[in-house]
Protein backbone atom coordinates (compact mmCIF):
# COMPACT_ATOMS: atom_id res chain seq x y z
CA MET A 1 43.62 5.00 6.50
CA ASN A 2 42.82 6.97 3.30
CA LEU A 3 39.88 6.16 1.13
CA GLN A 4 40.99 4.62 -2.12
CA LEU A 5 39.42 5.39 -5.51
CA GLN A 6 39.28 2.08 -7.41
CA PRO A 7 38.43 0.99 -10.95
CA ILE A 8 34.76 0.79 -11.84
CA ILE A 9 34.78 -2.99 -12.03
CA THR A 10 37.37 -5.20 -10.37
CA SER A 11 38.71 -8.32 -11.78
CA LYS A 12 36.88 -10.48 -9.21
CA VAL A 13 33.50 -10.23 -11.18
CA THR A 14 33.00 -13.56 -12.76
CA ASP A 15 31.46 -14.60 -16.11
CA ALA A 16 28.35 -15.59 -14.12
CA ILE A 17 27.17 -12.01 -14.00
CA MET A 18 28.58 -9.78 -16.67
CA PRO A 19 26.99 -11.44 -19.79
CA TYR A 20 23.55 -10.74 -18.42
CA LEU A 21 23.92 -6.91 -18.29
CA LYS A 22 23.47 -4.18 -20.84
CA ASP A 23 25.42 -1.71 -18.70
CA PRO A 24 28.38 -3.43 -16.93
CA ARG A 25 29.14 -0.16 -15.05
CA LEU A 26 26.25 -1.05 -12.69
CA VAL A 27 28.27 -3.90 -11.28
CA ARG A 28 30.19 -2.47 -8.32
CA GLU A 29 32.20 -4.55 -5.75
CA LEU A 30 33.35 -1.59 -3.74
CA ALA A 31 31.77 0.46 -1.01
CA TYR A 32 30.68 4.03 -1.92
CA ILE A 33 31.72 6.73 0.53
CA ASN A 34 31.86 10.45 0.01
CA GLY A 35 31.44 10.13 -3.73
CA LYS A 36 34.28 7.54 -4.05
CA TRP A 37 34.46 3.81 -4.59
CA VAL A 38 36.35 2.44 -1.63
CA HIS A 39 38.15 -0.97 -1.00
CA GLY A 40 38.34 -2.49 2.43
CA GLN A 41 40.87 -5.00 3.56
CA GLN A 42 38.93 -8.22 2.80
CA ASP A 43 36.31 -9.40 0.27
CA ILE A 44 33.07 -11.24 0.81
CA ALA A 45 31.87 -13.74 -1.85
CA VAL A 46 28.38 -13.18 -3.19
CA ILE A 47 26.57 -16.48 -4.14
CA ASN A 48 23.83 -17.07 -6.59
CA PRO A 49 21.39 -19.13 -4.39
CA ALA A 50 19.97 -20.95 -7.48
CA ASN A 51 23.20 -22.69 -8.44
CA GLU A 52 25.64 -21.68 -5.62
CA ASP A 53 27.95 -20.13 -8.12
CA VAL A 54 30.17 -17.23 -6.86
CA ILE A 55 28.94 -14.27 -9.00
CA GLY A 56 31.33 -11.71 -7.47
CA HIS A 57 32.54 -10.20 -4.28
CA CYS A 58 31.92 -7.10 -2.14
CA THR A 59 34.44 -5.39 0.05
CA GLN A 60 34.43 -5.53 3.79
CA LEU A 61 35.15 -2.21 5.35
CA GLU A 62 37.28 -1.70 8.35
CA PRO A 63 35.91 0.21 11.45
CA LEU A 64 37.98 3.36 10.57
CA GLN A 65 36.46 3.47 7.11
CA VAL A 66 32.92 3.18 8.59
CA HIS A 67 33.73 6.17 10.85
CA GLN A 68 34.96 8.04 7.79
CA ALA A 69 31.68 7.34 6.06
CA ILE A 70 29.80 8.72 9.05
CA THR A 71 31.99 11.83 9.03
CA ALA A 72 31.41 12.29 5.29
CA ALA A 73 27.70 12.08 5.84
CA GLU A 74 27.81 14.45 8.69
CA SER A 75 29.84 17.01 6.69
CA ALA A 76 27.42 16.74 3.68
CA PHE A 77 24.26 17.20 5.93
CA ALA A 78 24.34 21.02 6.37
CA PRO A 79 24.52 21.92 2.57
CA TRP A 80 22.08 19.15 1.70
CA LYS A 81 19.59 20.35 4.31
CA ALA A 82 20.03 23.95 2.97
CA LEU A 83 18.88 23.12 -0.54
CA LEU A 84 15.43 24.11 -1.53
CA PRO A 85 12.89 21.20 -1.39
CA ASP A 86 12.53 21.59 -5.15
CA GLU A 87 16.21 21.01 -5.66
CA ARG A 88 16.24 17.82 -3.63
CA ALA A 89 12.98 16.85 -5.41
CA ASP A 90 14.58 17.25 -8.76
CA MET A 91 17.59 15.17 -7.88
CA LEU A 92 15.32 12.37 -6.63
CA MET A 93 13.30 12.38 -9.80
CA ARG A 94 16.43 12.06 -11.81
CA TRP A 95 17.33 8.97 -9.69
CA HIS A 96 13.85 7.64 -10.22
CA ASP A 97 14.12 7.96 -13.99
CA LEU A 98 17.55 6.41 -14.03
CA ILE A 99 16.12 3.41 -12.02
CA LEU A 100 13.42 2.76 -14.49
CA GLU A 101 15.73 3.25 -17.50
CA ASN A 102 17.96 0.52 -16.11
CA LYS A 103 15.08 -1.78 -14.91
CA GLU A 104 16.25 -4.86 -16.74
CA ASP A 105 19.80 -4.68 -15.45
CA LEU A 106 18.58 -4.03 -11.88
CA ALA A 107 16.16 -6.93 -12.06
CA THR A 108 18.80 -9.17 -13.45
CA LEU A 109 21.13 -8.38 -10.57
CA MET A 110 18.39 -9.15 -8.19
CA VAL A 111 17.69 -12.63 -9.70
CA LEU A 112 21.44 -13.37 -9.62
CA GLU A 113 22.07 -12.47 -6.02
CA GLN A 114 18.73 -13.07 -4.39
CA GLY A 115 17.20 -15.83 -6.45
CA LYS A 116 13.55 -14.45 -7.09
CA SER A 117 12.06 -14.92 -10.40
CA LEU A 118 12.67 -12.33 -13.11
CA SER A 119 9.03 -11.15 -13.18
CA ASP A 120 9.09 -10.74 -9.41
CA ALA A 121 12.42 -8.78 -9.64
CA ARG A 122 11.08 -6.46 -12.28
CA GLY A 123 8.05 -5.84 -10.04
CA GLU A 124 10.30 -4.97 -7.18
CA VAL A 125 12.27 -2.44 -9.30
CA ASP A 126 8.92 -0.70 -10.16
CA TYR A 127 7.78 -0.86 -6.53
CA GLY A 128 11.12 0.57 -5.36
CA ALA A 129 11.02 3.38 -7.84
CA SER A 130 7.50 4.38 -6.83
CA PHE A 131 8.89 5.36 -3.44
CA VAL A 132 11.46 7.61 -4.95
CA ARG A 133 8.82 9.43 -7.00
CA TRP A 134 6.44 9.56 -3.90
CA PHE A 135 9.01 11.26 -1.71
CA ALA A 136 10.32 13.47 -4.47
CA GLU A 137 6.85 14.90 -4.62
CA GLU A 138 6.45 14.91 -0.76
CA ALA A 139 9.63 16.95 -0.42
CA ARG A 140 7.50 20.03 -1.14
CA ARG A 141 5.06 19.09 1.61
CA ALA A 142 7.28 18.67 4.67
CA ASN A 143 4.91 21.05 6.42
CA GLY A 144 4.67 22.51 9.88
CA ASP A 145 1.59 23.91 11.66
CA THR A 146 0.38 27.23 12.99
CA LEU A 147 -1.03 27.04 16.50
CA PRO A 148 -3.80 29.15 18.19
CA SER A 149 -1.82 31.15 20.73
CA HIS A 150 -2.71 31.23 24.45
CA ILE A 151 0.07 33.80 24.90
CA PRO A 152 -0.76 37.51 24.41
CA ASN A 153 1.01 39.16 21.48
CA ALA A 154 2.63 35.96 20.19
CA GLN A 155 2.47 33.70 17.20
CA LEU A 156 3.01 29.99 17.79
CA ALA A 157 4.00 27.44 15.10
CA THR A 158 6.06 24.27 14.33
CA MET A 159 8.44 23.48 11.59
CA ARG A 160 9.60 20.09 10.44
CA GLU A 161 13.45 19.72 10.22
CA PRO A 162 15.62 16.85 9.06
CA ILE A 163 17.14 14.96 11.96
CA GLY A 164 20.68 14.56 10.52
CA VAL A 165 22.56 11.54 9.40
CA ALA A 166 20.30 8.48 8.99
CA ALA A 167 21.71 4.93 9.06
CA LEU A 168 19.63 2.49 6.94
CA ILE A 169 20.17 -1.25 7.50
CA THR A 170 18.39 -3.35 4.85
CA PRO A 171 17.64 -7.05 4.29
CA TRP A 172 18.30 -9.66 1.58
CA ASN A 173 14.73 -10.44 0.68
CA PHE A 174 13.94 -7.15 -0.91
CA PRO A 175 17.44 -5.72 -1.72
CA HIS A 176 16.05 -2.95 -3.95
CA ALA A 177 12.87 -1.60 -2.56
CA MET A 178 13.84 -1.63 1.10
CA ILE A 179 16.64 0.85 0.24
CA THR A 180 14.45 3.17 -1.83
CA ARG A 181 11.59 3.09 0.68
CA LYS A 182 13.91 4.37 3.45
CA ALA A 183 16.46 6.37 1.53
CA ALA A 184 13.97 8.37 -0.50
CA ALA A 185 12.13 9.56 2.57
CA ALA A 186 15.32 10.49 4.40
CA LEU A 187 16.93 12.27 1.39
CA ALA A 188 13.71 14.17 0.51
CA VAL A 189 13.27 15.69 3.98
CA GLY A 190 16.88 16.73 4.06
CA CYS A 191 18.92 13.88 5.75
CA THR A 192 22.10 12.33 4.47
CA VAL A 193 22.16 8.52 4.43
CA LEU A 194 24.46 5.52 5.25
CA ILE A 195 23.11 2.40 3.74
CA LYS A 196 24.23 -0.97 4.98
CA PRO A 197 22.85 -3.68 2.73
CA ALA A 198 22.77 -7.39 3.56
CA SER A 199 26.12 -9.06 2.51
CA GLU A 200 24.08 -11.74 0.65
CA THR A 201 22.71 -9.09 -1.78
CA PRO A 202 25.00 -6.08 -2.01
CA PHE A 203 24.96 -5.60 -5.75
CA SER A 204 21.43 -4.05 -5.81
CA ALA A 205 22.51 -1.50 -3.27
CA LEU A 206 25.83 -0.60 -5.07
CA ALA A 207 23.92 -0.37 -8.45
CA LEU A 208 21.58 2.21 -6.85
CA ALA A 209 24.61 4.14 -5.58
CA GLU A 210 26.00 4.22 -9.08
CA LEU A 211 22.72 5.65 -10.34
CA ALA A 212 22.54 8.10 -7.50
CA GLU A 213 25.96 9.45 -8.54
CA ARG A 214 24.65 9.84 -12.16
CA ALA A 215 21.62 11.69 -10.80
CA GLY A 216 23.93 14.21 -9.26
CA PHE A 217 23.76 13.56 -5.50
CA PRO A 218 26.59 15.53 -3.89
CA ALA A 219 29.54 13.58 -2.24
CA GLY A 220 28.60 12.32 1.24
CA VAL A 221 24.89 12.54 0.76
CA TYR A 222 24.42 9.02 -0.33
CA ASN A 223 26.77 6.35 1.00
CA VAL A 224 26.80 2.52 0.88
CA ILE A 225 28.92 0.71 3.48
CA THR A 226 29.53 -3.04 3.07
CA GLY A 227 30.97 -5.59 5.41
CA ASP A 228 30.29 -7.46 8.67
CA GLY A 229 26.71 -6.69 9.66
CA SER A 230 27.04 -6.96 13.44
CA GLN A 231 30.15 -4.90 13.56
CA ILE A 232 28.96 -2.15 11.33
CA GLY A 233 25.57 -2.14 13.08
CA GLN A 234 27.29 -1.59 16.43
CA LEU A 235 29.45 1.17 15.08
CA LEU A 236 26.38 3.02 13.59
CA CYS A 237 24.37 2.61 16.92
CA GLN A 238 27.37 3.96 18.98
CA ALA A 239 28.03 6.98 16.78
CA GLU A 240 26.51 10.10 18.25
CA ASN A 241 26.51 11.93 14.98
CA VAL A 242 24.14 9.24 13.51
CA ARG A 243 20.78 10.59 14.67
CA ALA A 244 18.40 8.10 13.12
CA LEU A 245 18.53 4.38 12.60
CA SER A 246 16.06 2.45 10.44
CA PHE A 247 16.29 -1.37 10.33
CA THR A 248 14.39 -4.01 8.42
CA GLY A 249 15.13 -7.59 9.54
CA SER A 250 14.39 -10.05 12.34
CA THR A 251 12.95 -9.15 15.66
CA ARG A 252 15.93 -10.75 17.37
CA VAL A 253 18.46 -8.41 15.66
CA GLY A 254 16.10 -5.44 15.98
CA LYS A 255 16.14 -5.82 19.70
CA ILE A 256 19.95 -5.87 19.80
CA LEU A 257 20.08 -2.72 17.71
CA LEU A 258 17.66 -0.97 20.03
CA GLU A 259 19.83 -1.84 23.00
CA GLN A 260 22.97 -0.61 21.26
CA ALA A 261 21.25 2.59 20.10
CA ALA A 262 19.88 3.47 23.60
CA ASN A 263 23.03 5.15 24.89
CA THR A 264 22.90 7.80 22.11
CA VAL A 265 19.04 8.12 22.29
CA LYS A 266 18.67 7.71 18.49
CA LYS A 267 15.39 7.95 16.79
CA CYS A 268 14.80 4.26 15.81
CA SER A 269 12.40 2.81 13.31
CA MET A 270 12.12 -0.95 13.12
CA GLU A 271 10.29 -3.04 10.53
CA LEU A 272 10.66 -6.50 12.15
CA GLY A 273 9.28 -9.99 11.93
CA GLY A 274 5.70 -11.08 10.99
CA ASN A 275 3.42 -14.07 11.42
CA ALA A 276 0.52 -13.10 9.42
CA PRO A 277 -2.87 -14.91 9.80
CA PHE A 278 -4.94 -15.55 6.64
CA ILE A 279 -8.63 -15.76 7.66
CA VAL A 280 -11.27 -17.33 5.54
CA LEU A 281 -14.76 -16.43 6.53
CA PRO A 282 -17.71 -18.73 6.15
CA ASP A 283 -19.32 -16.81 3.32
CA MET A 284 -16.19 -16.76 1.13
CA ASP A 285 -15.93 -18.86 -2.03
CA ILE A 286 -13.42 -21.56 -0.99
CA THR A 287 -11.67 -21.91 -4.34
CA ALA A 288 -11.18 -18.17 -4.66
CA ALA A 289 -9.89 -18.12 -0.94
CA ALA A 290 -7.47 -20.97 -1.62
CA LYS A 291 -6.03 -19.20 -4.75
CA ALA A 292 -5.54 -16.02 -2.73
CA ALA A 293 -3.96 -17.89 0.27
CA VAL A 294 -1.42 -19.54 -2.05
CA ALA A 295 -0.47 -16.17 -3.50
CA ALA A 296 -0.19 -14.64 -0.03
CA LYS A 297 1.86 -17.56 1.35
CA PHE A 298 4.41 -18.26 -1.38
CA GLN A 299 5.42 -14.75 -2.52
CA THR A 300 9.29 -14.50 -2.57
CA ALA A 301 9.26 -18.20 -1.69
CA GLY A 302 7.71 -17.49 1.69
CA GLN A 303 10.77 -15.26 2.58
CA ASP A 304 8.54 -12.25 3.26
CA CYS A 305 7.40 -10.66 6.48
CA LEU A 306 3.96 -10.30 4.92
CA ALA A 307 3.70 -14.00 3.96
CA ALA A 308 0.52 -15.71 5.20
CA ASN A 309 1.88 -18.22 7.82
CA ARG A 310 -1.19 -19.36 9.70
CA ILE A 311 -4.35 -20.02 7.61
CA PHE A 312 -7.62 -20.19 9.43
CA VAL A 313 -10.60 -21.96 7.81
CA PRO A 314 -14.14 -22.60 9.04
CA ASN A 315 -14.65 -26.20 10.19
CA ALA A 316 -17.41 -26.80 7.65
CA TYR A 317 -15.19 -26.12 4.74
CA TYR A 318 -11.84 -27.36 6.12
CA GLU A 319 -11.11 -30.38 3.95
CA GLU A 320 -12.60 -28.66 0.81
CA PHE A 321 -10.12 -25.83 1.37
CA LEU A 322 -7.17 -28.18 1.82
CA THR A 323 -7.97 -29.85 -1.53
CA ALA A 324 -8.29 -26.56 -3.27
CA PHE A 325 -5.13 -25.12 -1.65
CA ALA A 326 -3.18 -28.25 -2.70
CA GLU A 327 -4.42 -28.00 -6.32
CA GLU A 328 -3.48 -24.38 -6.55
CA MET A 329 -0.17 -24.95 -4.95
CA ALA A 330 0.71 -27.60 -7.49
CA HIS A 331 0.67 -24.81 -10.27
CA ILE A 332 3.81 -23.25 -8.66
CA LYS A 333 6.92 -23.79 -10.82
CA VAL A 334 10.09 -23.91 -8.76
CA GLY A 335 13.41 -23.28 -10.28
CA ASN A 336 16.03 -20.75 -11.54
CA GLY A 337 14.52 -17.26 -11.73
CA PHE A 338 15.67 -16.75 -15.35
CA ASP A 339 13.41 -19.53 -16.50
CA LYS A 340 10.31 -17.72 -17.82
CA SER A 341 7.98 -20.41 -16.53
CA VAL A 342 9.37 -20.29 -12.95
CA THR A 343 7.20 -18.60 -10.35
CA MET A 344 9.20 -19.46 -7.14
CA GLY A 345 13.01 -19.42 -6.72
CA PRO A 346 15.35 -20.86 -4.14
CA LEU A 347 15.74 -19.91 -0.45
CA ILE A 348 18.60 -17.60 0.16
CA PHE A 349 20.99 -20.21 1.67
CA ARG A 350 21.19 -23.82 2.89
CA GLU A 351 20.47 -22.96 6.51
CA ALA A 352 16.95 -21.63 5.42
CA VAL A 353 16.31 -24.99 3.82
CA ASP A 354 17.24 -26.80 6.94
CA LYS A 355 15.07 -24.61 9.02
CA ALA A 356 12.10 -25.18 6.72
CA GLN A 357 12.55 -29.01 7.07
CA ALA A 358 12.82 -28.72 10.87
CA LEU A 359 9.57 -26.79 11.03
CA VAL A 360 7.85 -29.58 9.00
CA ASP A 361 9.39 -32.30 11.13
CA ASP A 362 8.34 -30.55 14.38
CA ALA A 363 4.78 -30.19 13.12
CA ILE A 364 4.41 -33.65 12.00
CA ALA A 365 5.88 -35.08 15.25
CA LYS A 366 3.27 -33.04 17.12
CA GLY A 367 0.33 -34.32 15.06
CA ALA A 368 0.11 -32.21 11.86
CA ARG A 369 -0.73 -33.91 8.51
CA LEU A 370 1.67 -33.40 5.53
CA VAL A 371 -0.98 -32.82 2.78
CA ALA A 372 1.52 -31.94 0.00
CA GLY A 373 5.09 -31.03 -0.51
CA SER A 374 7.63 -33.64 -1.68
CA GLN A 375 11.26 -32.40 -1.31
CA ASP A 376 12.41 -35.15 -3.70
CA LYS A 377 11.47 -32.79 -6.61
CA ALA A 378 13.65 -29.87 -5.35
CA PRO A 379 15.84 -28.67 -8.27
CA GLY A 380 18.87 -27.84 -6.10
CA SER A 381 20.25 -27.82 -2.55
CA ASN A 382 18.93 -24.36 -1.81
CA PHE A 383 15.35 -25.06 -2.93
CA PHE A 384 12.43 -26.14 -0.70
CA MET A 385 9.26 -27.27 -2.49
CA PRO A 386 5.91 -25.63 -1.46
CA THR A 387 4.50 -27.56 1.46
CA LEU A 388 1.02 -27.75 2.97
CA LEU A 389 0.49 -28.84 6.58
CA ALA A 390 -3.00 -29.51 8.03
CA ASP A 391 -4.22 -29.71 11.64
CA VAL A 392 -1.68 -27.25 12.96
CA THR A 393 -1.87 -26.25 16.54
CA PRO A 394 -0.39 -23.37 18.70
CA GLN A 395 2.12 -25.77 20.14
CA MET A 396 3.91 -26.22 16.83
CA LYS A 397 6.80 -23.97 15.76
CA VAL A 398 5.18 -23.44 12.38
CA PHE A 399 2.35 -21.68 14.30
CA TYR A 400 4.29 -19.47 16.65
CA GLU A 401 7.51 -18.71 14.74
CA GLU A 402 8.01 -16.50 11.69
CA ASN A 403 8.88 -19.31 9.38
CA PHE A 404 10.21 -17.34 6.38
CA CYS A 405 9.96 -20.35 4.08
CA PRO A 406 7.38 -21.93 1.69
CA VAL A 407 5.52 -23.94 4.42
CA ALA A 408 1.92 -23.25 4.95
CA GLY A 409 0.00 -24.27 8.10
CA VAL A 410 -3.76 -24.64 8.04
CA LEU A 411 -6.11 -25.00 11.09
CA ALA A 412 -9.86 -24.98 11.62
CA TYR A 413 -11.90 -22.65 13.73
CA GLU A 414 -15.40 -22.70 15.25
CA ASP A 415 -16.44 -19.08 15.82
CA ILE A 416 -15.24 -15.52 15.40
CA PRO A 417 -14.31 -14.69 18.98
CA SER A 418 -12.03 -17.73 19.25
CA LEU A 419 -10.63 -17.06 15.82
CA ILE A 420 -9.60 -13.59 16.74
CA ALA A 421 -7.95 -14.90 19.93
CA GLN A 422 -6.05 -17.49 17.91
CA ALA A 423 -4.96 -15.03 15.29
CA ASN A 424 -3.68 -12.66 17.96
CA ASN A 425 -1.86 -15.43 19.74
CA THR A 426 1.62 -14.30 18.52
CA GLU A 427 4.30 -11.82 19.59
CA TYR A 428 4.13 -10.36 16.09
CA GLY A 429 1.62 -7.91 14.76
CA LEU A 430 2.57 -6.78 11.22
CA ALA A 431 -0.05 -7.84 8.74
CA ALA A 432 -3.27 -9.92 8.46
CA TYR A 433 -5.48 -11.03 5.60
CA VAL A 434 -9.26 -11.46 5.74
CA TYR A 435 -11.35 -12.99 3.02
CA GLY A 436 -15.16 -12.72 3.22
CA HIS A 437 -18.12 -10.57 2.39
CA ASP A 438 -20.28 -9.93 5.55
CA ILE A 439 -19.35 -6.35 6.57
CA ARG A 440 -20.27 -6.90 10.18
CA THR A 441 -17.92 -9.85 10.55
CA ILE A 442 -15.23 -8.05 8.63
CA TRP A 443 -15.56 -4.97 10.87
CA GLN A 444 -15.36 -7.27 13.91
CA LEU A 445 -12.09 -8.55 12.61
CA LEU A 446 -10.77 -5.14 11.62
CA SER A 447 -11.47 -3.89 15.20
CA GLY A 448 -10.22 -7.09 16.93
CA LEU A 449 -7.07 -8.11 15.06
CA GLU A 450 -3.82 -6.81 16.75
CA PHE A 451 -1.88 -6.07 13.51
CA GLY A 452 -0.62 -2.79 11.97
CA MET A 453 -2.03 -3.65 8.54
CA VAL A 454 -5.13 -5.58 7.58
CA SER A 455 -6.03 -6.39 4.03
CA VAL A 456 -9.61 -7.45 3.11
CA ASN A 457 -10.01 -9.55 -0.08
CA SER A 458 -6.73 -8.45 -1.54
CA VAL A 459 -3.35 -10.08 -1.42
CA LYS A 460 -1.68 -6.85 -2.49
CA MET A 461 -1.71 -4.34 0.36
CA THR A 462 1.47 -2.33 0.19
CA GLY A 463 2.50 0.74 -1.89
CA HIS A 464 4.17 4.14 -1.71
CA SER A 465 1.07 5.86 -0.30
CA ILE A 466 0.37 3.49 2.59
CA PRO A 467 1.97 3.62 6.11
CA PHE A 468 3.80 0.24 6.23
CA GLY A 469 4.53 -1.04 9.69
CA GLY A 470 3.42 -3.27 12.65
CA VAL A 471 2.56 -3.38 16.29
CA LYS A 472 3.74 -5.48 19.26
CA GLN A 473 7.22 -7.02 18.39
CA SER A 474 6.83 -6.34 14.64
CA GLY A 475 8.35 -3.00 14.93
CA LEU A 476 8.29 0.69 15.48
CA GLY A 477 7.25 3.53 13.24
CA ARG A 478 5.86 3.51 9.66
CA GLU A 479 7.46 3.60 6.23
CA GLY A 480 5.90 5.09 3.10
CA SER A 481 3.01 7.52 2.96
CA ARG A 482 3.11 11.00 4.39
CA HIS A 483 4.06 9.37 7.74
CA GLY A 484 7.35 8.26 6.23
CA PHE A 485 9.03 11.61 7.01
CA ASP A 486 8.39 11.10 10.68
CA GLU A 487 11.26 8.63 11.05
CA TYR A 488 13.81 11.08 9.67
CA SER A 489 12.59 14.48 10.90
CA GLN A 490 11.83 16.29 14.16
CA ILE A 491 9.36 18.96 15.04
CA LYS A 492 10.61 22.35 16.25
CA TYR A 493 8.11 24.55 18.02
CA TYR A 494 8.67 28.26 18.16
CA CYS A 495 6.97 31.09 19.99
CA LEU A 496 7.37 34.50 18.25
CA GLY A 497 6.47 37.04 21.05
CA GLY A 498 6.29 40.89 21.23
CA LEU A 499 4.40 41.16 17.97
CA ASN A 500 2.51 44.27 19.26
CA GLY A 501 5.47 46.11 20.62
C-alpha cells in the first residue's frame, strides 16, 4: 500500500469547527507520515462532548501503514541524530513560536474536541509550549561525564546518545501538552517520534504536526499515526526498531503495554493513574483550605491524574470544612467551554458520566453523605455536576479508585501517623497535596507520603522544569526537567587506553 498525499482539508470537516478558526489549514483529518498527509481505509468520527455534534473525522490507519511510519522514522533517525544540537534547538524554537502564534486556534480546537473551558485550553497551549522551549534549550546540555580512571594510561568518560525511534501514546484529557512534553524531549536529544493521540482528540495532535512541518522538521522526524489504539499500541510494542515507548493513560492499559513491550526490551516510561490525597493540617485556615481543595479537585472536570480525590480533614474542623467546600463548589459554572463564564466543561463521553454516578451510588449505599451535587442541573448528557461526599471510608470505590470525574470524597482523621497510613492506602503514588504551616508536621508528611510529587500550600505543582512522575503503580520514569532526556537516551561508556604510548 502506497502512502497517499491528500488535500489539506477533506470534505468531512463540518460547519461545527471551521467557523471558529482563523487558519483553517490547522484542521487535518489525515495521519502524518514521512512528511505526507495519509488516508487510511476507514474514518473515525470526532465528537464535541459538550453537544455531541460530529465536528469532523480522523483516519484509521491499516497495520501496513503503521509499519511504514515506523520505517520512515527509522530512516530519518540517523540524519536527525547527526545534526548539531543547535540545529535541532533552532527547529524546536521555530515550532514553539508557531504554537504561540496560533494559540487561539489551538485552544479552540481543544475546546471543540475535549470540552474544557477556553481559558483552560489557552493555559494548556502555554503550558505545552513551555516544554518545547525548555527542551530546545536543554538540547545544548545533553551532557556526559568524565570519570576518574582506575586504569593506568586511560581516560574514562560517558556520552549521552539518543535511543532511536520513540513511540509516544498520549491521552485525551491533555491533548496538546502531553504531546509536547514527550515529543520535545525526544526530538531535542536526537530521537525521531511516532505520536499516537487518543481517537477522541486527534485534531490537537494533527495541528501540531502541521506546525512542525512549517517549522521545518525533516520528513520522517515527526509522525502522527491515528486509528485503533489497542491495535497500534501492540504494533508499536512489537516493533524491534521502536526503541522507546512513552505512555500516558490508565494503569490498566499501561500494564498491557509493558507486557507487550517486554519481548523487544524497550525502554518504557509510564505516566499512569493517580489517587491524590489532599491533606488539611490542624493549623490551616479552613476557608482557604476549602478553596484550594475545590481548585485541586475540579480542574479539567476532575479528569486529571493530579486531581485531589480523597480529602483528609481534622476531626475538629470537619463540618466547618464541608460547609466551606460546598459554598466554594457552588461557584463553579458548568457548561460549554466557549461560554466565558464557564469554569468546568463536560466529561469526555457518556460512559464517564455513568461511572461518576456509579461511584456516588456505591458510596451512598456504603454510608456516605451526599452533601451537594444535584444532577438535575446538568446542561447536557455528558455533563456531571460537581459533587461532594462526606464520611467516605476505604471500602468505597470513590476512595480506592481513580475516579476521573468531579466527585470529591471527604473523610476525617485523628492524628498524623494514621493520616499518613490512610493517605498511602492506595496502589497509586503520583501526587499529594498538603495544606498547613507547622514545618515539623509538613516534613513528617513529606517524608512519609508515598507519592512521586508532593505540593505544599499550592494547587499548581507542575511545569517544564520539574520531574513529573509517580511511584508504585502510578508509573515509571519522569517527564520534564533535566531528567526528561533519560527516557529517550542511553549512556555509552568508553575507555580510551594507551594514552602514554
